[in-house]
Amino acid sequence: RIATIDYLLGGTDKMEAFKKGRDINSPQETANNSRFIIMN
């Protein structure tokens, strides 16, 4: 199980292995933005 950001789930930034992932949990509400998590 990996914690990351949704931008990478499509295999971007040359990390194409993420496209093979399963059981994705990717909440899209604004509060889940990485900057707010960093601030928290």
PDB file of all heavy atoms in Angstrom:
ATOM      1  N   ARG A   1       0.855  -1.190   0.000  1.00  0.00           N
ATOM      2  CA  ARG A   1       0.000   0.000   0.000  1.00  0.00           C
ATOM      3  C   ARG A   1       0.892   1.242   0.000  1.00  0.00           C
ATOM      4  O   ARG A   1       1.848   1.343   0.793  1.00  0.00           O
ATOM      5  CB  ARG A   1      -0.905  -0.006   1.228  1.00  0.00           C
ATOM      6  CG  ARG A   1      -2.099   0.931   1.145  1.00  0.00           C
ATOM      7  CD  ARG A   1      -3.059   0.508   0.083  1.00  0.00           C
ATOM      8  NE  ARG A   1      -4.327   1.274   0.142  1.00  0.00           N
ATOM      9  CZ  ARG A   1      -5.166   1.344  -0.881  1.00  0.00           C
ATOM     10  NH1 ARG A   1      -4.895   0.728  -2.022  1.00  0.00           N
ATOM     11  NH2 ARG A   1      -6.278   2.043  -0.767  1.00  0.00           N
ATOM     12  N   ILE A   2       0.571   2.195  -0.875  1.00  0.00           N
ATOM     13  CA  ILE A   2       1.410   3.380  -1.058  1.00  0.00           C
ATOM     14  C   ILE A   2       0.581   4.645  -0.878  1.00  0.00           C
ATOM     15  O   ILE A   2      -0.530   4.754  -1.397  1.00  0.00           O
ATOM     16  CB  ILE A   2       2.035   3.383  -2.470  1.00  0.00           C
ATOM     17  CG1 ILE A   2       2.783   2.069  -2.717  1.00  0.00           C
ATOM     18  CG2 ILE A   2       2.971   4.577  -2.649  1.00  0.00           C
ATOM     19  CD1 ILE A   2       3.129   1.848  -4.180  1.00  0.00           C
ATOM     20  N   ALA A   3       1.120   5.588  -0.133  1.00  0.00           N
ATOM     21  CA  ALA A   3       0.521   6.917   0.000  1.00  0.00           C
ATOM     22  C   ALA A   3       1.259   7.858  -0.952  1.00  0.00           C
ATOM     23  O   ALA A   3       2.486   7.937  -0.929  1.00  0.00           O
ATOM     24  CB  ALA A   3       0.640   7.423   1.435  1.00  0.00           C
ATOM     25  N   THR A   4       0.501   8.569  -1.783  1.00  0.00           N
ATOM     26  CA  THR A   4       1.115   9.455  -2.764  1.00  0.00           C
ATOM     27  C   THR A   4       0.133  10.563  -3.118  1.00  0.00           C
ATOM     28  O   THR A   4      -0.736  10.902  -2.311  1.00  0.00           O
ATOM     29  CB  THR A   4       1.561   8.646  -4.004  1.00  0.00           C
ATOM     30  OG1 THR A   4       2.268   9.494  -4.898  1.00  0.00           O
ATOM     31  CG2 THR A   4       0.399   7.980  -4.709  1.00  0.00           C
ATOM     32  N   ILE A   5       0.264  11.148  -4.309  1.00  0.00           N
ATOM     33  CA  ILE A   5      -0.682  12.157  -4.778  1.00  0.00           C
ATOM     34  C   ILE A   5      -1.327  11.675  -6.067  1.00  0.00           C
ATOM     35  O   ILE A   5      -0.729  10.901  -6.826  1.00  0.00           O
ATOM     36  CB  ILE A   5      -0.010  13.533  -4.997  1.00  0.00           C
ATOM     37  CG1 ILE A   5       1.201  13.410  -5.917  1.00  0.00           C
ATOM     38  CG2 ILE A   5       0.373  14.150  -3.664  1.00  0.00           C
ATOM     39  CD1 ILE A   5       1.848  14.742  -6.260  1.00  0.00           C
ATOM     40  N   ASP A   6      -2.548  12.120  -6.311  1.00  0.00           N
ATOM     41  CA  ASP A   6      -3.313  11.594  -7.442  1.00  0.00           C
ATOM     42  C   ASP A   6      -2.667  11.894  -8.786  1.00  0.00           C
ATOM     43  O   ASP A   6      -2.877  11.164  -9.761  1.00  0.00           O
ATOM     44  CB  ASP A   6      -4.753  12.108  -7.405  1.00  0.00           C
ATOM     45  CG  ASP A   6      -4.866  13.625  -7.466  1.00  0.00           C
ATOM     46  OD1 ASP A   6      -3.832  14.331  -7.414  1.00  0.00           O
ATOM     47  OD2 ASP A   6      -6.005  14.128  -7.563  1.00  0.00           O
ATOM     48  N   TYR A   7      -1.860  12.936  -8.856  1.00  0.00           N
ATOM     49  CA  TYR A   7      -1.178  13.288 -10.099  1.00  0.00           C
ATOM     50  C   TYR A   7      -0.343  12.123 -10.631  1.00  0.00           C
ATOM     51  O   TYR A   7      -0.203  11.952 -11.853  1.00  0.00           O
ATOM     52  CB  TYR A   7      -0.289  14.506  -9.849  1.00  0.00           C
ATOM     53  CG  TYR A   7       0.649  14.864 -10.992  1.00  0.00           C
ATOM     54  CD1 TYR A   7       0.161  15.479 -12.149  1.00  0.00           C
ATOM     55  CD2 TYR A   7       2.006  14.590 -10.914  1.00  0.00           C
ATOM     56  CE1 TYR A   7       1.012  15.807 -13.197  1.00  0.00           C
ATOM     57  CE2 TYR A   7       2.869  14.916 -11.956  1.00  0.00           C
ATOM     58  CZ  TYR A   7       2.364  15.527 -13.089  1.00  0.00           C
ATOM     59  OH  TYR A   7       3.213  15.846 -14.119  1.00  0.00           O
ATOM     60  N   LEU A   8       0.203  11.312  -9.744  1.00  0.00           N
ATOM     61  CA  LEU A   8       1.096  10.229 -10.156  1.00  0.00           C
ATOM     62  C   LEU A   8       0.364   8.949 -10.551  1.00  0.00           C
ATOM     63  O   LEU A   8       0.974   8.050 -11.150  1.00  0.00           O
ATOM     64  CB  LEU A   8       2.093   9.915  -9.036  1.00  0.00           C
ATOM     65  CG  LEU A   8       3.050  11.049  -8.651  1.00  0.00           C
ATOM     66  CD1 LEU A   8       3.937  10.616  -7.492  1.00  0.00           C
ATOM     67  CD2 LEU A   8       3.896  11.476  -9.848  1.00  0.00           C
ATOM     68  N   LEU A   9      -0.920   8.863 -10.246  1.00  0.00           N
ATOM     69  CA  LEU A   9      -1.634   7.616 -10.471  1.00  0.00           C
ATOM     70  C   LEU A   9      -1.708   7.241 -11.948  1.00  0.00           C
ATOM     71  O   LEU A   9      -1.857   6.073 -12.292  1.00  0.00           O
ATOM     72  CB  LEU A   9      -3.045   7.686  -9.887  1.00  0.00           C
ATOM     73  CG  LEU A   9      -3.135   7.919  -8.375  1.00  0.00           C
ATOM     74  CD1 LEU A   9      -4.581   7.858  -7.924  1.00  0.00           C
ATOM     75  CD2 LEU A   9      -2.286   6.912  -7.600  1.00  0.00           C
ATOM     76  N   GLY A  10      -1.610   8.229 -12.816  1.00  0.00           N
ATOM     77  CA  GLY A  10      -1.667   7.955 -14.250  1.00  0.00           C
ATOM     78  C   GLY A  10      -0.324   7.636 -14.864  1.00  0.00           C
ATOM     79  O   GLY A  10      -0.197   7.553 -16.090  1.00  0.00           O
ATOM     80  N   GLY A  11       0.700   7.467 -14.030  1.00  0.00           N
ATOM     81  CA  GLY A  11       2.014   7.128 -14.540  1.00  0.00           C
ATOM     82  C   GLY A  11       2.848   8.310 -14.966  1.00  0.00           C
ATOM     83  O   GLY A  11       3.811   8.160 -15.723  1.00  0.00           O
ATOM     84  N   THR A  12       2.497   9.498 -14.485  1.00  0.00           N
ATOM     85  CA  THR A  12       3.223  10.714 -14.853  1.00  0.00           C
ATOM     86  C   THR A  12       4.586  10.775 -14.171  1.00  0.00           C
ATOM     87  O   THR A  12       4.888   9.993 -13.276  1.00  0.00           O
ATOM     88  CB  THR A  12       2.402  11.955 -14.478  1.00  0.00           C
ATOM     89  OG1 THR A  12       1.910  11.789 -13.146  1.00  0.00           O
ATOM     90  CG2 THR A  12       1.221  12.143 -15.407  1.00  0.00           C
ATOM     91  N   ASP A  13       5.409  11.744 -14.601  1.00  0.00           N
ATOM     92  CA  ASP A  13       6.772  11.915 -14.102  1.00  0.00           C
ATOM     93  C   ASP A  13       7.582  10.619 -14.213  1.00  0.00           C
ATOM     94  O   ASP A  13       8.401  10.295 -13.345  1.00  0.00           O
ATOM     95  CB  ASP A  13       6.778  12.421 -12.654  1.00  0.00           C
ATOM     96  CG  ASP A  13       6.794  13.947 -12.596  1.00  0.00           C
ATOM     97  OD1 ASP A  13       6.515  14.580 -13.637  1.00  0.00           O
ATOM     98  OD2 ASP A  13       7.097  14.506 -11.540  1.00  0.00           O
ATOM     99  N   LYS A  14       7.310   9.884 -15.286  1.00  0.00           N
ATOM    100  CA  LYS A  14       8.054   8.663 -15.635  1.00  0.00           C
ATOM    101  C   LYS A  14       7.873   7.530 -14.629  1.00  0.00           C
ATOM    102  O   LYS A  14       8.627   6.564 -14.642  1.00  0.00           O
ATOM    103  CB  LYS A  14       9.532   8.973 -15.834  1.00  0.00           C
ATOM    104  CG  LYS A  14       9.782  10.015 -16.921  1.00  0.00           C
ATOM    105  CD  LYS A  14      11.256  10.268 -17.130  1.00  0.00           C
ATOM    106  CE  LYS A  14      11.468  11.302 -18.239  1.00  0.00           C
ATOM    107  NZ  LYS A  14      12.914  11.583 -18.470  1.00  0.00           N
ATOM    108  N   MET A  15       6.854   7.640 -13.771  1.00  0.00           N
ATOM    109  CA  MET A  15       6.559   6.555 -12.824  1.00  0.00           C
ATOM    110  C   MET A  15       5.364   5.762 -13.337  1.00  0.00           C
ATOM    111  O   MET A  15       4.288   5.732 -12.745  1.00  0.00           O
ATOM    112  CB  MET A  15       6.320   7.131 -11.426  1.00  0.00           C
ATOM    113  CG  MET A  15       7.595   7.622 -10.773  1.00  0.00           C
ATOM    114  SD  MET A  15       7.400   8.158  -9.060  1.00  0.00           S
ATOM    115  CE  MET A  15       7.200   9.929  -9.275  1.00  0.00           C
ATOM    116  N   GLU A  16       5.564   5.097 -14.472  1.00  0.00           N
ATOM    117  CA  GLU A  16       4.488   4.419 -15.176  1.00  0.00           C
ATOM    118  C   GLU A  16       3.953   3.197 -14.435  1.00  0.00           C
ATOM    119  O   GLU A  16       2.845   2.738 -14.706  1.00  0.00           O
ATOM    120  CB  GLU A  16       4.948   4.033 -16.578  1.00  0.00           C
ATOM    121  CG  GLU A  16       5.247   5.247 -17.456  1.00  0.00           C
ATOM    122  CD  GLU A  16       5.559   4.851 -18.887  1.00  0.00           C
ATOM    123  OE1 GLU A  16       5.584   3.635 -19.185  1.00  0.00           O
ATOM    124  OE2 GLU A  16       5.787   5.769 -19.702  1.00  0.00           O
ATOM    125  N   ALA A  17       4.717   2.672 -13.500  1.00  0.00           N
ATOM    126  CA  ALA A  17       4.255   1.505 -12.743  1.00  0.00           C
ATOM    127  C   ALA A  17       2.970   1.799 -11.988  1.00  0.00           C
ATOM    128  O   ALA A  17       2.169   0.883 -11.724  1.00  0.00           O
ATOM    129  CB  ALA A  17       5.342   1.037 -11.774  1.00  0.00           C
ATOM    130  N   PHE A  18       2.730   3.060 -11.651  1.00  0.00           N
ATOM    131  CA  PHE A  18       1.502   3.397 -10.923  1.00  0.00           C
ATOM    132  C   PHE A  18       0.253   3.061 -11.738  1.00  0.00           C
ATOM    133  O   PHE A  18      -0.826   2.862 -11.165  1.00  0.00           O
ATOM    134  CB  PHE A  18       1.491   4.880 -10.549  1.00  0.00           C
ATOM    135  CG  PHE A  18       2.191   5.185  -9.242  1.00  0.00           C
ATOM    136  CD1 PHE A  18       3.232   6.096  -9.196  1.00  0.00           C
ATOM    137  CD2 PHE A  18       1.791   4.575  -8.069  1.00  0.00           C
ATOM    138  CE1 PHE A  18       3.873   6.396  -8.000  1.00  0.00           C
ATOM    139  CE2 PHE A  18       2.424   4.855  -6.859  1.00  0.00           C
ATOM    140  CZ  PHE A  18       3.468   5.769  -6.829  1.00  0.00           C
ATOM    141  N   LYS A  19       0.370   2.988 -13.042  1.00  0.00           N
ATOM    142  CA  LYS A  19      -0.790   2.670 -13.878  1.00  0.00           C
ATOM    143  C   LYS A  19      -1.279   1.240 -13.645  1.00  0.00           C
ATOM    144  O   LYS A  19      -2.399   0.893 -14.018  1.00  0.00           O
ATOM    145  CB  LYS A  19      -0.453   2.875 -15.355  1.00  0.00           C
ATOM    146  CG  LYS A  19      -0.235   4.333 -15.725  1.00  0.00           C
ATOM    147  CD  LYS A  19      -0.190   4.564 -17.223  1.00  0.00           C
ATOM    148  CE  LYS A  19       1.033   3.972 -17.858  1.00  0.00           C
ATOM    149  NZ  LYS A  19       1.142   4.350 -19.294  1.00  0.00           N
ATOM    150  N   LYS A  20      -0.452   0.420 -13.025  1.00  0.00           N
ATOM    151  CA  LYS A  20      -0.823  -0.964 -12.765  1.00  0.00           C
ATOM    152  C   LYS A  20      -1.493  -1.137 -11.397  1.00  0.00           C
ATOM    153  O   LYS A  20      -1.808  -2.251 -10.992  1.00  0.00           O
ATOM    154  CB  LYS A  20       0.419  -1.858 -12.834  1.00  0.00           C
ATOM    155  CG  LYS A  20       1.114  -1.843 -14.191  1.00  0.00           C
ATOM    156  CD  LYS A  20       2.318  -2.766 -14.191  1.00  0.00           C
ATOM    157  CE  LYS A  20       3.019  -2.766 -15.527  1.00  0.00           C
ATOM    158  NZ  LYS A  20       4.187  -3.696 -15.546  1.00  0.00           N
ATOM    159  N   GLY A  21      -1.702  -0.039 -10.687  1.00  0.00           N
ATOM    160  CA  GLY A  21      -2.222  -0.107  -9.323  1.00  0.00           C
ATOM    161  C   GLY A  21      -3.674  -0.532  -9.245  1.00  0.00           C
ATOM    162  O   GLY A  21      -4.431  -0.493 -10.208  1.00  0.00           O
ATOM    163  N   ARG A  22      -4.054  -0.935  -8.041  1.00  0.00           N
ATOM    164  CA  ARG A  22      -5.439  -1.344  -7.766  1.00  0.00           C
ATOM    165  C   ARG A  22      -5.875  -0.782  -6.415  1.00  0.00           C
ATOM    166  O   ARG A  22      -5.078  -0.223  -5.671  1.00  0.00           O
ATOM    167  CB  ARG A  22      -5.561  -2.865  -7.779  1.00  0.00           C
ATOM    168  CG  ARG A  22      -4.602  -3.570  -6.824  1.00  0.00           C
ATOM    169  CD  ARG A  22      -4.679  -5.079  -6.971  1.00  0.00           C
ATOM    170  NE  ARG A  22      -3.637  -5.774  -6.230  1.00  0.00           N
ATOM    171  CZ  ARG A  22      -3.680  -6.078  -4.945  1.00  0.00           C
ATOM    172  NH1 ARG A  22      -4.762  -5.732  -4.218  1.00  0.00           N
ATOM    173  NH2 ARG A  22      -2.680  -6.719  -4.353  1.00  0.00           N
ATOM    174  N   ASP A  23      -7.168  -0.948  -6.129  1.00  0.00           N
ATOM    175  CA  ASP A  23      -7.747  -0.506  -4.845  1.00  0.00           C
ATOM    176  C   ASP A  23      -7.391   0.953  -4.558  1.00  0.00           C
ATOM    177  O   ASP A  23      -6.894   1.303  -3.472  1.00  0.00           O
ATOM    178  CB  ASP A  23      -7.261  -1.396  -3.692  1.00  0.00           C
ATOM    179  CG  ASP A  23      -7.660  -2.850  -3.885  1.00  0.00           C
ATOM    180  OD1 ASP A  23      -8.702  -3.089  -4.518  1.00  0.00           O
ATOM    181  OD2 ASP A  23      -6.917  -3.730  -3.429  1.00  0.00           O
ATOM    182  N   ILE A  24      -7.687   1.810  -5.507  1.00  0.00           N
ATOM    183  CA  ILE A  24      -7.326   3.225  -5.383  1.00  0.00           C
ATOM    184  C   ILE A  24      -8.304   3.959  -4.467  1.00  0.00           C
ATOM    185  O   ILE A  24      -9.518   3.820  -4.588  1.00  0.00           O
ATOM    186  CB  ILE A  24      -7.301   3.901  -6.767  1.00  0.00           C
ATOM    187  CG1 ILE A  24      -6.176   3.299  -7.619  1.00  0.00           C
ATOM    188  CG2 ILE A  24      -7.125   5.410  -6.645  1.00  0.00           C
ATOM    189  CD1 ILE A  24      -6.189   3.752  -9.062  1.00  0.00           C
ATOM    190  N   ASN A  25      -7.750   4.715  -3.558  1.00  0.00           N
ATOM    191  CA  ASN A  25      -8.526   5.609  -2.693  1.00  0.00           C
ATOM    192  C   ASN A  25      -8.017   7.015  -2.952  1.00  0.00           C
ATOM    193  O   ASN A  25      -6.923   7.377  -2.527  1.00  0.00           O
ATOM    194  CB  ASN A  25      -8.335   5.220  -1.220  1.00  0.00           C
ATOM    195  CG  ASN A  25      -9.082   6.150  -0.279  1.00  0.00           C
ATOM    196  OD1 ASN A  25      -9.870   6.989  -0.699  1.00  0.00           O
ATOM    197  ND2 ASN A  25      -8.818   6.006   1.021  1.00  0.00           N
ATOM    198  N   SER A  26      -8.802   7.807  -3.681  1.00  0.00           N
ATOM    199  CA  SER A  26      -8.346   9.122  -4.116  1.00  0.00           C
ATOM    200  C   SER A  26      -9.444  10.156  -3.903  1.00  0.00           C
ATOM    201  O   SER A  26     -10.133  10.571  -4.838  1.00  0.00           O
ATOM    202  CB  SER A  26      -7.952   9.073  -5.598  1.00  0.00           C
ATOM    203  OG  SER A  26      -7.502  10.332  -6.051  1.00  0.00           O
ATOM    204  N   PRO A  27      -9.652  10.595  -2.645  1.00  0.00           N
ATOM    205  CA  PRO A  27     -10.713  11.571  -2.351  1.00  0.00           C
ATOM    206  C   PRO A  27     -10.424  12.917  -3.012  1.00  0.00           C
ATOM    207  O   PRO A  27      -9.323  13.441  -2.911  1.00  0.00           O
ATOM    208  CB  PRO A  27     -10.673  11.679  -0.824  1.00  0.00           C
ATOM    209  CG  PRO A  27      -9.279  11.286  -0.460  1.00  0.00           C
ATOM    210  CD  PRO A  27      -8.856  10.259  -1.457  1.00  0.00           C
ATOM    211  N   GLN A  28     -11.419  13.478  -3.688  1.00  0.00           N
ATOM    212  CA  GLN A  28     -11.186  14.655  -4.519  1.00  0.00           C
ATOM    213  C   GLN A  28     -11.675  15.971  -3.912  1.00  0.00           C
ATOM    214  O   GLN A  28     -11.580  17.017  -4.550  1.00  0.00           O
ATOM    215  CB  GLN A  28     -11.850  14.451  -5.885  1.00  0.00           C
ATOM    216  CG  GLN A  28     -11.170  13.373  -6.724  1.00  0.00           C
ATOM    217  CD  GLN A  28      -9.722  13.705  -7.019  1.00  0.00           C
ATOM    218  OE1 GLN A  28      -9.432  14.708  -7.668  1.00  0.00           O
ATOM    219  NE2 GLN A  28      -8.803  12.874  -6.530  1.00  0.00           N
ATOM    220  N   GLU A  29     -12.169  15.948  -2.692  1.00  0.00           N
ATOM    221  CA  GLU A  29     -12.582  17.199  -2.057  1.00  0.00           C
ATOM    222  C   GLU A  29     -11.367  18.109  -1.842  1.00  0.00           C
ATOM    223  O   GLU A  29     -10.248  17.637  -1.635  1.00  0.00           O
ATOM    224  CB  GLU A  29     -13.272  16.924  -0.720  1.00  0.00           C
ATOM    225  CG  GLU A  29     -14.605  16.196  -0.850  1.00  0.00           C
ATOM    226  CD  GLU A  29     -14.439  14.697  -1.020  1.00  0.00           C
ATOM    227  OE1 GLU A  29     -13.300  14.211  -0.921  1.00  0.00           O
ATOM    228  OE2 GLU A  29     -15.450  14.022  -1.262  1.00  0.00           O
ATOM    229  N   THR A  30     -11.607  19.399  -1.858  1.00  0.00           N
ATOM    230  CA  THR A  30     -10.524  20.374  -1.740  1.00  0.00           C
ATOM    231  C   THR A  30      -9.687  20.169  -0.485  1.00  0.00           C
ATOM    232  O   THR A  30      -8.465  20.365  -0.507  1.00  0.00           O
ATOM    233  CB  THR A  30     -11.098  21.804  -1.742  1.00  0.00           C
ATOM    234  OG1 THR A  30     -11.828  22.005  -2.964  1.00  0.00           O
ATOM    235  CG2 THR A  30      -9.992  22.845  -1.647  1.00  0.00           C
ATOM    236  N   ALA A  31     -10.293  19.762   0.593  1.00  0.00           N
ATOM    237  CA  ALA A  31      -9.576  19.575   1.861  1.00  0.00           C
ATOM    238  C   ALA A  31      -8.480  18.532   1.757  1.00  0.00           C
ATOM    239  O   ALA A  31      -7.571  18.490   2.601  1.00  0.00           O
ATOM    240  CB  ALA A  31     -10.548  19.178   2.964  1.00  0.00           C
ATOM    241  N   ASN A  32      -8.534  17.700   0.719  1.00  0.00           N
ATOM    242  CA  ASN A  32      -7.536  16.640   0.552  1.00  0.00           C
ATOM    243  C   ASN A  32      -6.356  17.079  -0.304  1.00  0.00           C
ATOM    244  O   ASN A  32      -5.480  16.264  -0.625  1.00  0.00           O
ATOM    245  CB  ASN A  32      -8.202  15.411  -0.072  1.00  0.00           C
ATOM    246  CG  ASN A  32      -9.347  14.900   0.774  1.00  0.00           C
ATOM    247  OD1 ASN A  32      -9.154  14.497   1.908  1.00  0.00           O
ATOM    248  ND2 ASN A  32     -10.545  14.947   0.232  1.00  0.00           N
ATOM    249  N   ASN A  33      -6.324  18.366  -0.660  1.00  0.00           N
ATOM    250  CA  ASN A  33      -5.194  18.901  -1.413  1.00  0.00           C
ATOM    251  C   ASN A  33      -3.919  18.746  -0.599  1.00  0.00           C
ATOM    252  O   ASN A  33      -3.908  18.936   0.623  1.00  0.00           O
ATOM    253  CB  ASN A  33      -5.450  20.369  -1.731  1.00  0.00           C
ATOM    254  CG  ASN A  33      -4.435  20.944  -2.698  1.00  0.00           C
ATOM    255  OD1 ASN A  33      -3.261  21.062  -2.370  1.00  0.00           O
ATOM    256  ND2 ASN A  33      -4.879  21.315  -3.869  1.00  0.00           N
ATOM    257  N   SER A  34      -2.830  18.407  -1.266  1.00  0.00           N
ATOM    258  CA  SER A  34      -1.578  18.154  -0.554  1.00  0.00           C
ATOM    259  C   SER A  34      -1.131  19.351   0.269  1.00  0.00           C
ATOM    260  O   SER A  34      -0.566  19.189   1.353  1.00  0.00           O
ATOM    261  CB  SER A  34      -0.474  17.746  -1.536  1.00  0.00           C
ATOM    262  OG  SER A  34      -0.230  18.759  -2.484  1.00  0.00           O
ATOM    263  N   ARG A  35      -1.393  20.581  -0.213  1.00  0.00           N
ATOM    264  CA  ARG A  35      -0.930  21.753   0.551  1.00  0.00           C
ATOM    265  C   ARG A  35      -1.637  21.853   1.901  1.00  0.00           C
ATOM    266  O   ARG A  35      -1.026  22.231   2.904  1.00  0.00           O
ATOM    267  CB  ARG A  35      -1.119  23.040  -0.256  1.00  0.00           C
ATOM    268  CG  ARG A  35      -2.504  23.602  -0.318  1.00  0.00           C
ATOM    269  CD  ARG A  35      -2.530  24.953  -1.007  1.00  0.00           C
ATOM    270  NE  ARG A  35      -2.204  24.831  -2.412  1.00  0.00           N
ATOM    271  CZ  ARG A  35      -3.109  24.827  -3.395  1.00  0.00           C
ATOM    272  NH1 ARG A  35      -4.395  24.922  -3.084  1.00  0.00           N
ATOM    273  NH2 ARG A  35      -2.763  24.727  -4.641  1.00  0.00           N
ATOM    274  N   PHE A  36      -2.914  21.485   1.943  1.00  0.00           N
ATOM    275  CA  PHE A  36      -3.639  21.547   3.208  1.00  0.00           C
ATOM    276  C   PHE A  36      -3.176  20.441   4.154  1.00  0.00           C
ATOM    277  O   PHE A  36      -3.135  20.639   5.373  1.00  0.00           O
ATOM    278  CB  PHE A  36      -5.144  21.461   2.961  1.00  0.00           C
ATOM    279  CG  PHE A  36      -5.684  22.620   2.170  1.00  0.00           C
ATOM    280  CD1 PHE A  36      -6.432  22.418   1.027  1.00  0.00           C
ATOM    281  CD2 PHE A  36      -5.412  23.926   2.553  1.00  0.00           C
ATOM    282  CE1 PHE A  36      -6.906  23.479   0.285  1.00  0.00           C
ATOM    283  CE2 PHE A  36      -5.882  24.998   1.817  1.00  0.00           C
ATOM    284  CZ  PHE A  36      -6.640  24.771   0.680  1.00  0.00           C
ATOM    285  N   ILE A  37      -2.823  19.299   3.603  1.00  0.00           N
ATOM    286  CA  ILE A  37      -2.300  18.214   4.432  1.00  0.00           C
ATOM    287  C   ILE A  37      -0.944  18.612   5.010  1.00  0.00           C
ATOM    288  O   ILE A  37      -0.646  18.346   6.178  1.00  0.00           O
ATOM    289  CB  ILE A  37      -2.213  16.924   3.603  1.00  0.00           C
ATOM    290  CG1 ILE A  37      -3.629  16.437   3.286  1.00  0.00           C
ATOM    291  CG2 ILE A  37      -1.424  15.850   4.348  1.00  0.00           C
ATOM    292  CD1 ILE A  37      -3.701  15.312   2.301  1.00  0.00           C
ATOM    293  N   ILE A  38      -0.120  19.270   4.201  1.00  0.00           N
ATOM    294  CA  ILE A  38       1.175  19.762   4.687  1.00  0.00           C
ATOM    295  C   ILE A  38       0.964  20.768   5.817  1.00  0.00           C
ATOM    296  O   ILE A  38       1.636  20.716   6.854  1.00  0.00           O
ATOM    297  CB  ILE A  38       1.974  20.392   3.534  1.00  0.00           C
ATOM    298  CG1 ILE A  38       2.332  19.327   2.491  1.00  0.00           C
ATOM    299  CG2 ILE A  38       3.246  21.054   4.072  1.00  0.00           C
ATOM    300  CD1 ILE A  38       2.820  19.898   1.168  1.00  0.00           C
ATOM    301  N   MET A  39       0.033  21.692   5.636  1.00  0.00           N
ATOM    302  CA  MET A  39      -0.257  22.680   6.676  1.00  0.00           C
ATOM    303  C   MET A  39      -0.758  22.008   7.940  1.00  0.00           C
ATOM    304  O   MET A  39      -0.378  22.393   9.060  1.00  0.00           O
ATOM    305  CB  MET A  39      -1.303  23.674   6.177  1.00  0.00           C
ATOM    306  CG  MET A  39      -0.808  24.599   5.091  1.00  0.00           C
ATOM    307  SD  MET A  39      -2.121  25.734   4.587  1.00  0.00           S
ATOM    308  CE  MET A  39      -1.541  26.202   2.956  1.00  0.00           C
ATOM    309  N   ASN A  40      -1.620  21.013   7.785  1.00  0.00           N
ATOM    310  CA  ASN A  40      -2.131  20.298   8.959  1.00  0.00           C
ATOM    311  C   ASN A  40      -1.002  19.647   9.741  1.00  0.00           C
ATOM    312  O   ASN A  40      -1.016  19.621  10.981  1.00  0.00           O
ATOM    313  CB  ASN A  40      -3.145  19.233   8.532  1.00  0.00           C
ATOM    314  CG  ASN A  40      -4.451  19.825   8.030  1.00  0.00           C
ATOM    315  OD1 ASN A  40      -4.748  20.991   8.300  1.00  0.00           O
ATOM    316  ND2 ASN A  40      -5.209  19.044   7.290  1.00  0.00           N
TER     317      ASN A  40
END
